Amino acid sequence: MLNLPFNLPFWPIVIGAGILHFAIGTVAAIVAKNKGRNFTIWLPLGLFAGTPALIAAWRLEGQADRVSENPNQ
């Protein structure tokens, strides 16, 4: 059995980390949706990637930002 610090049980930590990972991925999909991206594409991406997907979603430009940069199109 794996010895963790402070005698913490192994499986509750793994399950908790997985739940947190999926929650962060869901937030990433919601952030991307609010910036005009497709939620059905970003949800699996967020559930798979977790925190990196959230960082990528935060860095996305919103649709209003993209339109204002190219007024001629």
N, C-alpha and C. Protein backbone atom coordinates (compact mmCIF):
# COMPACT_ATOMS: atom_id res chain seq x y z
N MET A 1 0.84 -1.19 0.00
CA MET A 1 0.00 0.00 0.00
C MET A 1 0.88 1.24 0.00
N LEU A 2 0.41 2.26 -0.64
CA LEU A 2 1.15 3.50 -0.77
C LEU A 2 1.05 4.30 0.53
N ASN A 3 2.18 4.74 1.05
CA ASN A 3 2.18 5.55 2.27
C ASN A 3 2.09 7.03 1.90
N LEU A 4 0.99 7.66 2.28
CA LEU A 4 0.81 9.08 2.03
C LEU A 4 1.12 9.85 3.31
N PRO A 5 1.49 11.11 3.19
CA PRO A 5 1.75 11.88 4.40
C PRO A 5 0.48 12.06 5.24
N PHE A 6 0.64 12.14 6.51
CA PHE A 6 -0.44 12.37 7.46
C PHE A 6 -1.46 11.24 7.48
N ASN A 7 -1.09 10.05 7.02
CA ASN A 7 -1.97 8.87 7.03
C ASN A 7 -3.29 9.13 6.30
N LEU A 8 -3.24 9.84 5.19
CA LEU A 8 -4.44 10.09 4.41
C LEU A 8 -4.75 8.86 3.56
N PRO A 9 -6.01 8.50 3.41
CA PRO A 9 -6.35 7.35 2.56
C PRO A 9 -6.14 7.68 1.09
N PHE A 10 -5.75 6.67 0.33
CA PHE A 10 -5.37 6.86 -1.07
C PHE A 10 -6.58 7.13 -1.98
N TRP A 11 -7.58 6.26 -1.99
CA TRP A 11 -8.67 6.37 -2.96
C TRP A 11 -9.53 7.61 -2.79
N PRO A 12 -9.86 8.06 -1.59
CA PRO A 12 -10.61 9.32 -1.52
C PRO A 12 -9.86 10.51 -2.11
N ILE A 13 -8.54 10.50 -2.00
CA ILE A 13 -7.75 11.58 -2.60
C ILE A 13 -7.82 11.50 -4.12
N VAL A 14 -7.71 10.31 -4.67
CA VAL A 14 -7.77 10.13 -6.13
C VAL A 14 -9.15 10.52 -6.65
N ILE A 15 -10.19 10.10 -5.97
CA ILE A 15 -11.55 10.43 -6.41
C ILE A 15 -11.79 11.94 -6.30
N GLY A 16 -11.34 12.54 -5.22
CA GLY A 16 -11.49 13.99 -5.05
C GLY A 16 -10.74 14.77 -6.12
N ALA A 17 -9.53 14.31 -6.45
CA ALA A 17 -8.77 14.98 -7.50
C ALA A 17 -9.46 14.84 -8.86
N GLY A 18 -10.07 13.69 -9.12
CA GLY A 18 -10.80 13.49 -10.37
C GLY A 18 -12.02 14.38 -10.47
N ILE A 19 -12.75 14.50 -9.37
CA ILE A 19 -13.93 15.38 -9.36
C ILE A 19 -13.50 16.83 -9.58
N LEU A 20 -12.43 17.26 -8.92
CA LEU A 20 -11.93 18.61 -9.12
C LEU A 20 -11.48 18.83 -10.56
N HIS A 21 -10.83 17.84 -11.16
CA HIS A 21 -10.38 17.92 -12.55
C HIS A 21 -11.57 18.11 -13.49
N PHE A 22 -12.63 17.33 -13.29
CA PHE A 22 -13.82 17.45 -14.15
C PHE A 22 -14.53 18.78 -13.92
N ALA A 23 -14.55 19.27 -12.68
CA ALA A 23 -15.18 20.56 -12.41
C ALA A 23 -14.43 21.69 -13.11
N ILE A 24 -13.11 21.65 -13.07
CA ILE A 24 -12.30 22.67 -13.74
C ILE A 24 -12.52 22.59 -15.25
N GLY A 25 -12.62 21.38 -15.79
CA GLY A 25 -12.88 21.22 -17.22
C GLY A 25 -14.23 21.75 -17.63
N THR A 26 -15.23 21.56 -16.78
CA THR A 26 -16.57 22.08 -17.07
C THR A 26 -16.56 23.61 -17.04
N VAL A 27 -15.85 24.19 -16.10
CA VAL A 27 -15.72 25.65 -16.05
C VAL A 27 -15.02 26.16 -17.30
N ALA A 28 -14.02 25.44 -17.78
CA ALA A 28 -13.34 25.83 -19.02
C ALA A 28 -14.31 25.86 -20.19
N ALA A 29 -15.18 24.87 -20.28
CA ALA A 29 -16.17 24.83 -21.37
C ALA A 29 -17.15 25.99 -21.25
N ILE A 30 -17.54 26.33 -20.04
CA ILE A 30 -18.47 27.44 -19.83
C ILE A 30 -17.81 28.77 -20.20
N VAL A 31 -16.55 28.94 -19.82
CA VAL A 31 -15.81 30.16 -20.18
C VAL A 31 -15.71 30.28 -21.70
N ALA A 32 -15.37 29.19 -22.36
CA ALA A 32 -15.25 29.21 -23.83
C ALA A 32 -16.61 29.51 -24.47
N LYS A 33 -17.68 28.95 -23.93
CA LYS A 33 -19.03 29.21 -24.46
C LYS A 33 -19.38 30.69 -24.32
N ASN A 34 -19.04 31.28 -23.17
CA ASN A 34 -19.32 32.70 -22.97
C ASN A 34 -18.51 33.59 -23.89
N LYS A 35 -17.43 33.07 -24.44
CA LYS A 35 -16.63 33.83 -25.39
C LYS A 35 -17.00 33.51 -26.83
N GLY A 36 -18.11 32.78 -27.02
CA GLY A 36 -18.63 32.53 -28.36
C GLY A 36 -18.16 31.25 -29.00
N ARG A 37 -17.52 30.37 -28.27
CA ARG A 37 -17.05 29.10 -28.83
C ARG A 37 -18.11 28.02 -28.65
N ASN A 38 -17.91 26.90 -29.33
CA ASN A 38 -18.86 25.79 -29.32
C ASN A 38 -18.69 24.98 -28.03
N PHE A 39 -19.76 24.93 -27.22
CA PHE A 39 -19.72 24.23 -25.93
C PHE A 39 -19.51 22.74 -26.11
N THR A 40 -20.11 22.15 -27.15
CA THR A 40 -20.00 20.70 -27.35
C THR A 40 -18.59 20.27 -27.76
N ILE A 41 -17.80 21.19 -28.27
CA ILE A 41 -16.40 20.88 -28.56
C ILE A 41 -15.54 21.09 -27.32
N TRP A 42 -15.84 22.14 -26.58
CA TRP A 42 -15.01 22.48 -25.43
C TRP A 42 -15.29 21.61 -24.20
N LEU A 43 -16.47 21.03 -24.08
CA LEU A 43 -16.73 20.19 -22.90
C LEU A 43 -15.84 18.94 -22.87
N PRO A 44 -15.78 18.13 -23.94
CA PRO A 44 -14.85 17.00 -23.89
C PRO A 44 -13.39 17.43 -23.76
N LEU A 45 -13.04 18.54 -24.42
CA LEU A 45 -11.69 19.05 -24.29
C LEU A 45 -11.38 19.42 -22.84
N GLY A 46 -12.32 20.10 -22.21
CA GLY A 46 -12.13 20.49 -20.82
C GLY A 46 -12.10 19.30 -19.88
N LEU A 47 -12.96 18.30 -20.11
CA LEU A 47 -12.97 17.13 -19.24
C LEU A 47 -11.70 16.32 -19.39
N PHE A 48 -11.11 16.34 -20.57
CA PHE A 48 -9.87 15.61 -20.78
C PHE A 48 -8.66 16.39 -20.27
N ALA A 49 -8.61 17.68 -20.57
CA ALA A 49 -7.42 18.46 -20.27
C ALA A 49 -7.45 19.16 -18.92
N GLY A 50 -8.63 19.48 -18.39
CA GLY A 50 -8.72 20.10 -17.08
C GLY A 50 -8.14 21.50 -17.03
N THR A 51 -7.14 21.70 -16.19
CA THR A 51 -6.56 23.02 -15.96
C THR A 51 -5.96 23.65 -17.23
N PRO A 52 -5.23 22.91 -18.07
CA PRO A 52 -4.74 23.54 -19.31
C PRO A 52 -5.88 24.04 -20.21
N ALA A 53 -7.00 23.34 -20.23
CA ALA A 53 -8.14 23.81 -21.02
C ALA A 53 -8.71 25.10 -20.43
N LEU A 54 -8.73 25.20 -19.11
CA LEU A 54 -9.21 26.43 -18.48
C LEU A 54 -8.30 27.60 -18.82
N ILE A 55 -7.01 27.38 -18.78
CA ILE A 55 -6.06 28.44 -19.14
C ILE A 55 -6.24 28.84 -20.60
N ALA A 56 -6.42 27.87 -21.48
CA ALA A 56 -6.64 28.17 -22.90
C ALA A 56 -7.94 28.93 -23.10
N ALA A 57 -8.99 28.56 -22.38
CA ALA A 57 -10.27 29.25 -22.52
C ALA A 57 -10.17 30.69 -22.03
N TRP A 58 -9.42 30.91 -20.96
CA TRP A 58 -9.23 32.27 -20.47
C TRP A 58 -8.49 33.13 -21.48
N ARG A 59 -7.60 32.53 -22.24
CA ARG A 59 -6.79 33.29 -23.19
C ARG A 59 -7.51 33.53 -24.53
N LEU A 60 -8.65 32.90 -24.74
CA LEU A 60 -9.39 33.09 -25.99
C LEU A 60 -9.90 34.52 -26.09
N GLU A 61 -9.97 34.99 -27.32
CA GLU A 61 -10.62 36.27 -27.57
C GLU A 61 -12.12 36.02 -27.71
N GLY A 62 -12.92 36.93 -27.23
CA GLY A 62 -14.36 36.83 -27.43
C GLY A 62 -14.73 37.20 -28.84
N GLN A 63 -15.95 36.88 -29.25
CA GLN A 63 -16.38 37.21 -30.61
C GLN A 63 -16.40 38.71 -30.83
N ALA A 64 -16.80 39.50 -29.84
CA ALA A 64 -16.83 40.95 -29.98
C ALA A 64 -15.42 41.50 -30.19
N ASP A 65 -14.42 40.89 -29.53
CA ASP A 65 -13.04 41.32 -29.70
C ASP A 65 -12.55 41.05 -31.11
N ARG A 66 -12.93 39.90 -31.67
CA ARG A 66 -12.48 39.56 -33.02
C ARG A 66 -13.12 40.45 -34.07
N VAL A 67 -14.38 40.81 -33.89
CA VAL A 67 -15.09 41.65 -34.85
C VAL A 67 -14.53 43.06 -34.83
N SER A 68 -14.23 43.58 -33.64
CA SER A 68 -13.77 44.97 -33.56
C SER A 68 -12.37 45.14 -34.14
N GLU A 69 -11.57 44.11 -34.21
CA GLU A 69 -10.23 44.20 -34.77
C GLU A 69 -10.24 44.30 -36.30
N ASN A 70 -11.23 43.69 -36.96
CA ASN A 70 -11.34 43.71 -38.42
C ASN A 70 -12.70 44.29 -38.82
N PRO A 71 -12.85 45.59 -38.80
CA PRO A 71 -14.16 46.17 -39.13
C PRO A 71 -14.50 46.06 -40.62
N ASN A 72 -13.51 45.80 -41.48
CA ASN A 72 -13.77 45.73 -42.93
C ASN A 72 -14.35 44.39 -43.37
N GLN A 73 -14.31 43.39 -42.52
CA GLN A 73 -14.78 42.06 -42.93
C GLN A 73 -16.19 41.81 -42.50
